[in-house]
Each structure stands twice: as C-alpha cells, then as structure tokens.
Amino acid sequence: MPPPGKILGQVSVNGDRHELAFAPHKTLLEVLREDLDLTGTKHGCELGECGACTVLVDGKPILSCLMLGIEALDREVETIEGMAVDGELHPLQTTFADLGASQCGYCSAGFMLTAKKLLDREAQPDRDRIRQALSGNLCRCTGYIKIFEAVELAAAKLRGESAEVSRETLHGH
C-alpha cells in the first residue's frame, strides 16, 4: 500500500527494475533525480525548450521535464548513467571528452542520449542529419561544432573504423 497521496509502480531504468512510491504530479525528471538519485539528467528550462533533461523512453528521446513519472511506469528508461556498459564508456562519451564537446557539461547528457538514438538508427549520418537530430538540444558554451564532430567520430567508431582525433580537430584548425 503506497503512502497517502502517492502512487506505487514499477519503472525500469538503465535495465534495473525499481518499485517506487511517488506523488502522481511528479515529472519523470523529478522521479529520476529525487527518487532514484540519478542526477545526470539535468533540470534546464523545465519548459521543454532546452533538451538538458532528455532521456530515452522505450528507445525514444523524451524531455523528462514534460513527462509525468506515472507515464513511465512499466516502460524502459535510459539515462546518461546507463550509457556505459560493463564499465566501458559509450563511444559518444569518449568522443565528447576527447574533443572537448562539453564545456560546462550541463547539456551533455541530453545531447549524448539524443545522438545515441540517431546512431542506433543511422550508421553514417552526415553533418546536416546530425544537426537536425540534435536541433532540440541547446548549448550555451560550445558553438556546436565540437558536438557535431564528436557525434561523427563516435559514428565512425561504432562502424568499426579506425577513428583518431587529429590535432587540427582538437585545436580547431
């Protein structure tokens, strides 16, 4: 029996099932951060305009500030904490770090999860396709070019290509 004013349900986050009791008005963002202590998903604008709170729900990028937690019951949710597998970072995580594609890092989780969905669907997206896929995510620090390059490099790594970071790419020449 859930406490008064709360609902009881199960949600699968990063492959782990969790039984939770939470207020029905809580957003998925609040459930992830406050009830599951998964703070990689960020509070941004809380209006669905910046993409900082993006997570994957049943494999689809969703703005967790606009989705109620109750809507995620019995669904699969993936957060930035679930991108690494068996202690190995996802190629997007390594390329974002290697290329300096995140500066303050606040928007990075949303960008990486959105890009993951793109790369799960398309092995070799061109720059325009990457730009289009990431258009719902905003960054105030990077100017986007390093983010696009990180996605391109991760795509190459996922295709099994030898993908090295050049000095020109690192230094913007």
C-alpha atoms as a PDB file:
ATOM      1  CA  MET A   1       0.000   0.000   0.000  1.00  0.00           C
ATOM      2  CA  PRO A   2       1.572   3.338  -1.030  1.00  0.00           C
ATOM      3  CA  PRO A   3       1.749   6.224   1.437  1.00  0.00           C
ATOM      4  CA  PRO A   4      -1.180   8.674   1.256  1.00  0.00           C
ATOM      5  CA  GLY A   5      -1.067  10.890  -1.820  1.00  0.00           C
ATOM      6  CA  LYS A   6       1.410   8.672  -3.637  1.00  0.00           C
ATOM      7  CA  ILE A   7       1.140   6.043  -6.331  1.00  0.00           C
ATOM      8  CA  LEU A   8       3.030   2.776  -6.370  1.00  0.00           C
ATOM      9  CA  GLY A   9       4.520   1.423  -9.553  1.00  0.00           C
ATOM     10  CA  GLN A  10       7.484  -0.094 -11.307  1.00  0.00           C
ATOM     11  CA  VAL A  11       9.811   1.543 -13.763  1.00  0.00           C
ATOM     12  CA  SER A  12      12.836   0.078 -15.500  1.00  0.00           C
ATOM     13  CA  VAL A  13      15.767   2.493 -15.536  1.00  0.00           C
ATOM     14  CA  ASN A  14      19.035   1.553 -17.215  1.00  0.00           C
ATOM     15  CA  GLY A  15      17.984  -2.092 -17.196  1.00  0.00           C
ATOM     16  CA  ASP A  16      17.132  -2.225 -13.478  1.00  0.00           C
ATOM     17  CA  ARG A  17      13.544  -2.525 -12.224  1.00  0.00           C
ATOM     18  CA  HIS A  18      12.569  -0.162  -9.437  1.00  0.00           C
ATOM     19  CA  GLU A  19       9.405  -0.190  -7.379  1.00  0.00           C
ATOM     20  CA  LEU A  20       8.633   3.352  -6.332  1.00  0.00           C
ATOM     21  CA  ALA A  21       6.042   5.321  -4.435  1.00  0.00           C
ATOM     22  CA  PHE A  22       5.840   8.925  -5.610  1.00  0.00           C
ATOM     23  CA  ALA A  23       3.390  11.783  -5.948  1.00  0.00           C
ATOM     24  CA  PRO A  24       1.391  11.482  -9.192  1.00  0.00           C
ATOM     25  CA  HIS A  25       2.183  15.096 -10.167  1.00  0.00           C
ATOM     26  CA  LYS A  26       5.961  14.474 -10.235  1.00  0.00           C
ATOM     27  CA  THR A  27       7.667  14.657 -13.603  1.00  0.00           C
ATOM     28  CA  LEU A  28       9.903  11.864 -14.796  1.00  0.00           C
ATOM     29  CA  LEU A  29      12.803  14.278 -14.306  1.00  0.00           C
ATOM     30  CA  GLU A  30      11.896  14.684 -10.633  1.00  0.00           C
ATOM     31  CA  VAL A  31      11.421  10.936 -10.144  1.00  0.00           C
ATOM     32  CA  LEU A  32      14.837  10.212 -11.687  1.00  0.00           C
ATOM     33  CA  ARG A  33      16.672  12.881  -9.695  1.00  0.00           C
ATOM     34  CA  GLU A  34      14.797  12.824  -6.377  1.00  0.00           C
ATOM     35  CA  ASP A  35      13.577   9.243  -6.010  1.00  0.00           C
ATOM     36  CA  LEU A  36      16.325   7.336  -7.848  1.00  0.00           C
ATOM     37  CA  ASP A  37      19.228   9.752  -7.208  1.00  0.00           C
ATOM     38  CA  LEU A  38      20.156   9.740 -10.915  1.00  0.00           C
ATOM     39  CA  THR A  39      21.363  13.315 -11.196  1.00  0.00           C
ATOM     40  CA  GLY A  40      22.979  13.084 -14.647  1.00  0.00           C
ATOM     41  CA  THR A  41      19.658  14.175 -16.108  1.00  0.00           C
ATOM     42  CA  LYS A  42      19.587  17.931 -15.630  1.00  0.00           C
ATOM     43  CA  HIS A  43      16.934  20.483 -14.744  1.00  0.00           C
ATOM     44  CA  GLY A  44      17.120  23.035 -17.535  1.00  0.00           C
ATOM     45  CA  CYS A  45      14.330  25.305 -18.620  1.00  0.00           C
ATOM     46  CA  GLU A  46      11.585  22.944 -17.375  1.00  0.00           C
ATOM     47  CA  LEU A  47       9.546  24.111 -20.380  1.00  0.00           C
ATOM     48  CA  GLY A  48      10.700  21.521 -22.907  1.00  0.00           C
ATOM     49  CA  GLU A  49      12.814  24.001 -24.852  1.00  0.00           C
ATOM     50  CA  CYS A  50      16.459  23.228 -23.993  1.00  0.00           C
ATOM     51  CA  GLY A  51      16.865  19.425 -24.100  1.00  0.00           C
ATOM     52  CA  ALA A  52      19.027  19.219 -20.950  1.00  0.00           C
ATOM     53  CA  CYS A  53      16.578  16.733 -19.411  1.00  0.00           C
ATOM     54  CA  THR A  54      16.455  14.373 -22.417  1.00  0.00           C
ATOM     55  CA  VAL A  55      16.301  10.661 -21.609  1.00  0.00           C
ATOM     56  CA  LEU A  56      15.340   7.683 -23.752  1.00  0.00           C
ATOM     57  CA  VAL A  57      11.947   6.123 -23.024  1.00  0.00           C
ATOM     58  CA  ASP A  58      11.420   2.873 -24.909  1.00  0.00           C
ATOM     59  CA  GLY A  59      14.380   3.992 -27.034  1.00  0.00           C
ATOM     60  CA  LYS A  60      12.898   7.364 -27.997  1.00  0.00           C
ATOM     61  CA  PRO A  61      14.310  10.732 -26.854  1.00  0.00           C
ATOM     62  CA  ILE A  62      11.852  12.296 -24.402  1.00  0.00           C
ATOM     63  CA  LEU A  63      12.014  15.564 -22.495  1.00  0.00           C
ATOM     64  CA  SER A  64      11.677  14.246 -18.958  1.00  0.00           C
ATOM     65  CA  CYS A  65      10.532  17.647 -17.645  1.00  0.00           C
ATOM     66  CA  LEU A  66       7.368  17.297 -19.744  1.00  0.00           C
ATOM     67  CA  MET A  67       6.582  13.655 -18.973  1.00  0.00           C
ATOM     68  CA  LEU A  68       4.907  12.631 -15.750  1.00  0.00           C
ATOM     69  CA  GLY A  69       6.631   9.868 -13.832  1.00  0.00           C
ATOM     70  CA  ILE A  70       3.391   7.905 -13.896  1.00  0.00           C
ATOM     71  CA  GLU A  71       3.646   7.796 -17.709  1.00  0.00           C
ATOM     72  CA  ALA A  72       6.979   5.953 -17.403  1.00  0.00           C
ATOM     73  CA  LEU A  73       5.558   3.082 -15.370  1.00  0.00           C
ATOM     74  CA  ASP A  74       6.212  -0.287 -16.993  1.00  0.00           C
ATOM     75  CA  ARG A  75       8.413   1.356 -19.647  1.00  0.00           C
ATOM     76  CA  GLU A  76      12.151   1.275 -20.311  1.00  0.00           C
ATOM     77  CA  VAL A  77      14.012   4.467 -19.387  1.00  0.00           C
ATOM     78  CA  GLU A  78      17.669   5.091 -20.200  1.00  0.00           C
ATOM     79  CA  THR A  79      19.635   7.922 -18.623  1.00  0.00           C
ATOM     80  CA  ILE A  80      23.221   9.045 -19.116  1.00  0.00           C
ATOM     81  CA  GLU A  81      24.185   6.766 -16.211  1.00  0.00           C
ATOM     82  CA  GLY A  82      23.119   3.777 -18.330  1.00  0.00           C
ATOM     83  CA  MET A  83      25.209   4.572 -21.421  1.00  0.00           C
ATOM     84  CA  ALA A  84      28.362   2.852 -20.173  1.00  0.00           C
ATOM     85  CA  VAL A  85      28.217  -0.938 -20.467  1.00  0.00           C
ATOM     86  CA  ASP A  86      30.289  -3.220 -18.224  1.00  0.00           C
ATOM     87  CA  GLY A  87      32.486  -0.300 -17.200  1.00  0.00           C
ATOM     88  CA  GLU A  88      33.177   0.712 -20.808  1.00  0.00           C
ATOM     89  CA  LEU A  89      32.111   4.195 -21.805  1.00  0.00           C
ATOM     90  CA  HIS A  90      29.922   4.519 -24.874  1.00  0.00           C
ATOM     91  CA  PRO A  91      31.853   5.929 -27.874  1.00  0.00           C
ATOM     92  CA  LEU A  92      29.808   9.129 -27.599  1.00  0.00           C
ATOM     93  CA  GLN A  93      31.034   9.599 -24.044  1.00  0.00           C
ATOM     94  CA  THR A  94      34.667   9.163 -25.046  1.00  0.00           C
ATOM     95  CA  THR A  95      34.457  11.356 -28.138  1.00  0.00           C
ATOM     96  CA  PHE A  96      32.682  14.144 -26.246  1.00  0.00           C
ATOM     97  CA  ALA A  97      35.531  14.048 -23.713  1.00  0.00           C
ATOM     98  CA  ASP A  98      38.329  13.677 -26.276  1.00  0.00           C
ATOM     99  CA  LEU A  99      37.120  16.540 -28.453  1.00  0.00           C
ATOM    100  CA  GLY A 100      36.081  18.900 -25.683  1.00  0.00           C
ATOM    101  CA  ALA A 101      32.498  18.781 -26.924  1.00  0.00           C
ATOM    102  CA  SER A 102      31.257  19.722 -23.490  1.00  0.00           C
ATOM    103  CA  GLN A 103      32.485  22.693 -21.562  1.00  0.00           C
ATOM    104  CA  CYS A 104      30.231  23.223 -18.575  1.00  0.00           C
ATOM    105  CA  GLY A 105      28.677  19.793 -19.225  1.00  0.00           C
ATOM    106  CA  TYR A 106      25.153  20.757 -18.272  1.00  0.00           C
ATOM    107  CA  CYS A 107      23.655  19.946 -21.680  1.00  0.00           C
ATOM    108  CA  SER A 108      25.901  16.966 -22.458  1.00  0.00           C
ATOM    109  CA  ALA A 109      23.688  14.140 -21.209  1.00  0.00           C
ATOM    110  CA  GLY A 110      20.759  15.325 -23.327  1.00  0.00           C
ATOM    111  CA  PHE A 111      22.970  15.675 -26.401  1.00  0.00           C
ATOM    112  CA  MET A 112      24.555  12.241 -25.926  1.00  0.00           C
ATOM    113  CA  LEU A 113      21.271  10.400 -25.433  1.00  0.00           C
ATOM    114  CA  THR A 114      19.702  12.130 -28.438  1.00  0.00           C
ATOM    115  CA  ALA A 115      22.785  11.327 -30.515  1.00  0.00           C
ATOM    116  CA  LYS A 116      22.725   7.714 -29.291  1.00  0.00           C
ATOM    117  CA  LYS A 117      19.232   7.300 -30.685  1.00  0.00           C
ATOM    118  CA  LEU A 118      20.385   8.772 -34.000  1.00  0.00           C
ATOM    119  CA  LEU A 119      23.410   6.445 -34.193  1.00  0.00           C
ATOM    120  CA  ASP A 120      21.279   3.440 -33.223  1.00  0.00           C
ATOM    121  CA  ARG A 121      19.150   4.197 -36.320  1.00  0.00           C
ATOM    122  CA  GLU A 122      21.737   5.542 -38.747  1.00  0.00           C
ATOM    123  CA  ALA A 123      25.302   4.261 -39.025  1.00  0.00           C
ATOM    124  CA  GLN A 124      26.624   7.154 -41.091  1.00  0.00           C
ATOM    125  CA  PRO A 125      24.627  10.342 -40.626  1.00  0.00           C
ATOM    126  CA  ASP A 126      26.009  13.404 -42.389  1.00  0.00           C
ATOM    127  CA  ARG A 127      26.531  16.744 -40.637  1.00  0.00           C
ATOM    128  CA  ASP A 128      23.119  18.070 -41.710  1.00  0.00           C
ATOM    129  CA  ARG A 129      21.372  14.973 -40.351  1.00  0.00           C
ATOM    130  CA  ILE A 130      23.267  15.273 -37.049  1.00  0.00           C
ATOM    131  CA  ARG A 131      22.387  18.970 -36.822  1.00  0.00           C
ATOM    132  CA  GLN A 132      18.721  18.153 -37.487  1.00  0.00           C
ATOM    133  CA  ALA A 133      18.629  15.312 -34.934  1.00  0.00           C
ATOM    134  CA  LEU A 134      20.194  17.477 -32.231  1.00  0.00           C
ATOM    135  CA  SER A 135      18.177  20.608 -33.030  1.00  0.00           C
ATOM    136  CA  GLY A 136      16.069  20.264 -29.863  1.00  0.00           C
ATOM    137  CA  ASN A 137      19.132  20.445 -27.635  1.00  0.00           C
ATOM    138  CA  LEU A 138      20.656  23.788 -26.734  1.00  0.00           C
ATOM    139  CA  CYS A 139      24.208  24.561 -25.627  1.00  0.00           C
ATOM    140  CA  ARG A 140      25.385  27.943 -24.424  1.00  0.00           C
ATOM    141  CA  CYS A 141      29.109  27.103 -24.333  1.00  0.00           C
ATOM    142  CA  THR A 142      30.443  25.157 -27.296  1.00  0.00           C
ATOM    143  CA  GLY A 143      29.148  26.652 -30.529  1.00  0.00           C
ATOM    144  CA  TYR A 144      28.009  23.117 -31.535  1.00  0.00           C
ATOM    145  CA  ILE A 145      30.858  22.268 -33.972  1.00  0.00           C
ATOM    146  CA  LYS A 146      32.740  20.114 -31.432  1.00  0.00           C
ATOM    147  CA  ILE A 147      29.458  18.361 -30.581  1.00  0.00           C
ATOM    148  CA  PHE A 148      28.808  17.551 -34.240  1.00  0.00           C
ATOM    149  CA  GLU A 149      32.405  16.351 -34.649  1.00  0.00           C
ATOM    150  CA  ALA A 150      32.083  14.147 -31.556  1.00  0.00           C
ATOM    151  CA  VAL A 151      28.955  12.511 -32.985  1.00  0.00           C
ATOM    152  CA  GLU A 152      30.691  11.964 -36.342  1.00  0.00           C
ATOM    153  CA  LEU A 153      33.720  10.407 -34.633  1.00  0.00           C
ATOM    154  CA  ALA A 154      31.529   8.190 -32.430  1.00  0.00           C
ATOM    155  CA  ALA A 155      29.632   7.030 -35.520  1.00  0.00           C
ATOM    156  CA  ALA A 156      32.933   6.048 -37.145  1.00  0.00           C
ATOM    157  CA  LYS A 157      33.986   4.157 -34.011  1.00  0.00           C
ATOM    158  CA  LEU A 158      30.645   2.350 -33.877  1.00  0.00           C
ATOM    159  CA  ARG A 159      31.119   1.328 -37.529  1.00  0.00           C
ATOM    160  CA  GLY A 160      34.451  -0.218 -36.516  1.00  0.00           C
ATOM    161  CA  GLU A 161      36.528   2.314 -38.391  1.00  0.00           C
ATOM    162  CA  SER A 162      39.859   3.454 -37.072  1.00  0.00           C
ATOM    163  CA  ALA A 163      38.827   6.864 -35.814  1.00  0.00           C
ATOM    164  CA  GLU A 164      41.532   9.040 -34.348  1.00  0.00           C
ATOM    165  CA  VAL A 165      41.290  12.578 -33.096  1.00  0.00           C
ATOM    166  CA  SER A 166      43.524  14.833 -35.175  1.00  0.00           C
ATOM    167  CA  ARG A 167      45.456  17.773 -33.742  1.00  0.00           C
ATOM    168  CA  GLU A 168      43.521  20.018 -36.153  1.00  0.00           C
ATOM    169  CA  THR A 169      40.207  18.822 -34.751  1.00  0.00           C
ATOM    170  CA  LEU A 170      41.370  19.300 -31.159  1.00  0.00           C
ATOM    171  CA  HIS A 171      42.687  22.793 -31.753  1.00  0.00           C
ATOM    172  CA  GLY A 172      40.010  23.980 -34.161  1.00  0.00           C
ATOM    173  CA  HIS A 173      42.307  24.456 -37.178  1.00  0.00           C
END
